[in-house]
């Protein structure tokens, strides 16, 4: 049986219509956090708190160190803090 180029294109097009390419839940979580951090940086640039590349790098270093510290806090402590607010 021979398949023509037209038939092959049709099969491919149908396959692409059925294929659903989506980002994983883990990837989307990371993207939401990245977006939040991006908004924080943009706000600090807009306010003048971050004015040059050196200040940006210092801020990003502080974020990295802060995340390292925050990893050590157990969930129970976060829950208690959340209930106070």
C-alpha atoms as a PDB file:
ATOM      1  CA  UNK A   1       0.000   0.000   0.000  1.00  0.00           C
ATOM      2  CA  UNK A   2       1.324   3.373  -0.975  1.00  0.00           C
ATOM      3  CA  UNK A   3       0.641   6.575   0.915  1.00  0.00           C
ATOM      4  CA  UNK A   4       0.621   9.766  -1.053  1.00  0.00           C
ATOM      5  CA  UNK A   5       2.156  12.954   0.228  1.00  0.00           C
ATOM      6  CA  UNK A   6      -1.328  14.429   0.541  1.00  0.00           C
ATOM      7  CA  UNK A   7      -2.513  11.502   2.660  1.00  0.00           C
ATOM      8  CA  UNK A   8       0.580  11.745   4.818  1.00  0.00           C
ATOM      9  CA  UNK A   9      -0.005  15.461   5.335  1.00  0.00           C
ATOM     10  CA  UNK A  10      -3.636  14.775   6.268  1.00  0.00           C
ATOM     11  CA  UNK A  11      -2.606  12.115   8.796  1.00  0.00           C
ATOM     12  CA  UNK A  12      -0.009  14.428  10.272  1.00  0.00           C
ATOM     13  CA  UNK A  13      -2.484  17.333  10.491  1.00  0.00           C
ATOM     14  CA  UNK A  14      -5.067  15.114  12.211  1.00  0.00           C
ATOM     15  CA  UNK A  15      -2.455  13.863  14.644  1.00  0.00           C
ATOM     16  CA  UNK A  16      -1.400  17.397  15.484  1.00  0.00           C
ATOM     17  CA  UNK A  17      -5.030  18.410  16.043  1.00  0.00           C
ATOM     18  CA  UNK A  18      -5.427  15.583  18.538  1.00  0.00           C
ATOM     19  CA  UNK A  19      -2.085  16.088  20.262  1.00  0.00           C
ATOM     20  CA  UNK A  20      -2.223  18.174  23.391  1.00  0.00           C
ATOM     21  CA  UNK A  21       1.050  19.623  24.487  1.00  0.00           C
ATOM     22  CA  UNK A  22       0.852  21.145  27.938  1.00  0.00           C
ATOM     23  CA  UNK A  23       3.286  22.176  30.603  1.00  0.00           C
ATOM     24  CA  UNK A  24       3.568  19.965  33.665  1.00  0.00           C
ATOM     25  CA  UNK A  25       2.103  21.078  36.985  1.00  0.00           C
ATOM     26  CA  UNK A  26       5.614  21.377  38.463  1.00  0.00           C
ATOM     27  CA  UNK A  27       6.714  23.608  35.605  1.00  0.00           C
ATOM     28  CA  UNK A  28       3.666  25.834  36.045  1.00  0.00           C
ATOM     29  CA  UNK A  29       4.358  26.162  39.793  1.00  0.00           C
ATOM     30  CA  UNK A  30       7.884  27.290  39.004  1.00  0.00           C
ATOM     31  CA  UNK A  31       6.591  29.748  36.436  1.00  0.00           C
ATOM     32  CA  UNK A  32       4.146  31.287  38.920  1.00  0.00           C
ATOM     33  CA  UNK A  33       6.949  31.819  41.450  1.00  0.00           C
ATOM     34  CA  UNK A  34       9.198  33.252  38.738  1.00  0.00           C
ATOM     35  CA  UNK A  35       6.433  35.630  37.709  1.00  0.00           C
ATOM     36  CA  UNK A  36       5.918  36.782  41.306  1.00  0.00           C
ATOM     37  CA  UNK A  37       9.645  37.440  41.709  1.00  0.00           C
ATOM     38  CA  UNK A  38       9.739  39.211  38.360  1.00  0.00           C
ATOM     39  CA  UNK A  39       6.921  41.513  39.524  1.00  0.00           C
ATOM     40  CA  UNK A  40       8.785  42.259  42.759  1.00  0.00           C
ATOM     41  CA  UNK A  41      11.934  43.153  40.833  1.00  0.00           C
ATOM     42  CA  UNK A  42       9.993  45.297  38.359  1.00  0.00           C
ATOM     43  CA  UNK A  43       8.351  47.172  41.253  1.00  0.00           C
ATOM     44  CA  UNK A  44      11.718  47.805  42.893  1.00  0.00           C
ATOM     45  CA  UNK A  45      13.173  49.051  39.612  1.00  0.00           C
ATOM     46  CA  UNK A  46      10.134  51.316  39.107  1.00  0.00           C
ATOM     47  CA  UNK A  47      10.456  52.723  42.641  1.00  0.00           C
ATOM     48  CA  UNK A  48      14.164  53.408  42.153  1.00  0.00           C
ATOM     49  CA  UNK A  49      15.254  50.955  44.824  1.00  0.00           C
ATOM     50  CA  UNK A  50      17.148  49.009  42.148  1.00  0.00           C
ATOM     51  CA  UNK A  51      18.915  51.425  39.815  1.00  0.00           C
ATOM     52  CA  UNK A  52      21.745  49.440  38.247  1.00  0.00           C
ATOM     53  CA  UNK A  53      23.046  45.962  37.512  1.00  0.00           C
ATOM     54  CA  UNK A  54      25.060  45.802  40.742  1.00  0.00           C
ATOM     55  CA  UNK A  55      21.971  46.522  42.847  1.00  0.00           C
ATOM     56  CA  UNK A  56      20.003  43.944  40.874  1.00  0.00           C
ATOM     57  CA  UNK A  57      22.678  41.310  41.484  1.00  0.00           C
ATOM     58  CA  UNK A  58      22.782  42.194  45.192  1.00  0.00           C
ATOM     59  CA  UNK A  59      19.005  41.844  45.406  1.00  0.00           C
ATOM     60  CA  UNK A  60      19.063  38.471  43.633  1.00  0.00           C
ATOM     61  CA  UNK A  61      21.831  37.279  45.962  1.00  0.00           C
ATOM     62  CA  UNK A  62      19.702  38.343  48.942  1.00  0.00           C
ATOM     63  CA  UNK A  63      16.735  36.430  47.495  1.00  0.00           C
ATOM     64  CA  UNK A  64      18.872  33.304  47.088  1.00  0.00           C
ATOM     65  CA  UNK A  65      20.177  33.526  50.664  1.00  0.00           C
ATOM     66  CA  UNK A  66      16.675  34.185  51.978  1.00  0.00           C
ATOM     67  CA  UNK A  67      15.265  31.138  50.215  1.00  0.00           C
ATOM     68  CA  UNK A  68      18.019  29.019  51.756  1.00  0.00           C
ATOM     69  CA  UNK A  69      17.047  30.281  55.207  1.00  0.00           C
ATOM     70  CA  UNK A  70      13.325  29.848  54.597  1.00  0.00           C
ATOM     71  CA  UNK A  71      13.813  26.202  53.618  1.00  0.00           C
ATOM     72  CA  UNK A  72      14.731  25.468  57.231  1.00  0.00           C
ATOM     73  CA  UNK A  73      11.402  26.666  58.637  1.00  0.00           C
ATOM     74  CA  UNK A  74       8.941  23.791  59.203  1.00  0.00           C
ATOM     75  CA  UNK A  75       5.415  23.948  57.782  1.00  0.00           C
ATOM     76  CA  UNK A  76       3.895  24.120  61.269  1.00  0.00           C
ATOM     77  CA  UNK A  77       5.602  27.469  61.838  1.00  0.00           C
ATOM     78  CA  UNK A  78       4.250  28.783  58.517  1.00  0.00           C
ATOM     79  CA  UNK A  79       0.752  27.675  59.524  1.00  0.00           C
ATOM     80  CA  UNK A  80       1.019  29.516  62.839  1.00  0.00           C
ATOM     81  CA  UNK A  81       2.211  32.658  61.062  1.00  0.00           C
ATOM     82  CA  UNK A  82      -0.622  32.400  58.548  1.00  0.00           C
ATOM     83  CA  UNK A  83      -3.209  32.125  61.335  1.00  0.00           C
ATOM     84  CA  UNK A  84      -1.950  35.325  62.980  1.00  0.00           C
ATOM     85  CA  UNK A  85      -2.667  37.411  59.914  1.00  0.00           C
END
